[in-house]
Structures are given as C-alpha cells and as structure tokens.
C-alpha cells in the first residue's frame, strides 16, 4: 500500500487539472496520468494504428481528437484502446509512486478513471474527488470542447456518476464555484492531509 499517495479523480469537466496545478504550485509531487497516456500513445503508436487505421494520424502522430471521436461512440473500440494503453499507464504510475513514496511526503496522482478501474489500483486507498454537480460538468464540457448539450451530456455519462464518486471519496473538493473558493478548499484539505502524514511519520 502506498501510504503517502492521494489519488485525485472526478469527472470530465470537474476541474482536476486546475486543482493539480494549484497543488503543484504549492510544491507537492504530482503524477499526471494524462501526461503518461500522451507518452504511451506515441510509444504504442504502431499497435494503435494497426487496430484503428491510419486515419487517426495527423502529421504522422496520433490525433487524440480523432481517436476520441472513434472510441467515445463505440464501447468495443474503447476497450481495445484501453487494453493497449492501460497496463502501461498503470505500470508507470506505480514506478513513479515508488520514487515519491520514499520521500515520505504527500503526493498526488491524477487518475481520471480511478473508480472505473479500481481493481487495477488496489495499492492506493486515499481518494480525493474534485466535485461539481452534473449540470455544471455538462456546461463546462460544452464550453471547453465546443460541443452541443446532448454530446457533452453523453461524454459526462460515459463515466461513473459524480455523486457516486463523491460518496466513495475520502476527501471531496467542491469546485462548483470560482477559483478563490477552490483555493480555500485546497488549503483546508492540505491542512488535514499534512496532519495525518505527520502522525504516520511519528509512528
């Protein structure tokens, strides 16, 4: 079990990236699963092209938007992509966690689909959910990705319901308001986490 690891999850549109940037600005270690996934897309490019065809390439690189449009509308294709990427992503997260664990300070891991893949991450048991109600998530996805309401709604609903994730979390960060509110939430959660970590280090 990784004692100093805090998984950060939520939903598309909940603001995990903003939360993690603010955490990183405060000097904490952050493992970015999305960045790892970017690298693994290129490393496994040949396998992915063999599965999905060269139409997913732009300038000889995998176009995430193109492959996203394919897998968001096809469960089977999504599972095929995940079978290629997820074991490699998980292995890299574990490797980076081992390095940060040795420092004996809290660090944070961005795993967007943690609850959807919870069996693969059984060494992590401290979970932070960045939360906003479903309707706010949909509006944010609409604005960010320039999508119609129904398309944005379907993308949000592909993931486990945000209310269920909220109930399963050890810590909930309310990101339904402005940046000032989020910063206050972060200050509160870091105070609790550091208190708990100090207790562990004294054992």
Foldseek 3Di string as FASTA:
>chain_A
DQPQEEEEEFFQQLCSVVLVVVVVVVPAAEAELVVVLQVLCQVCVVVLCVVVNPVQDDPNGGNPVVLCVVCLVPVVSVVVVCVSRVVSSLVVVVVVSVVVSVVLHHHYYYDHQCVVPVVSVVVDDAYEYRDDALVSSLVSCCVVVVDDSVVSSSRRVVGDHRVVVVVRHPHYQYPHDDPVSNVVSSVVVVVVSVVVSVVVVVD
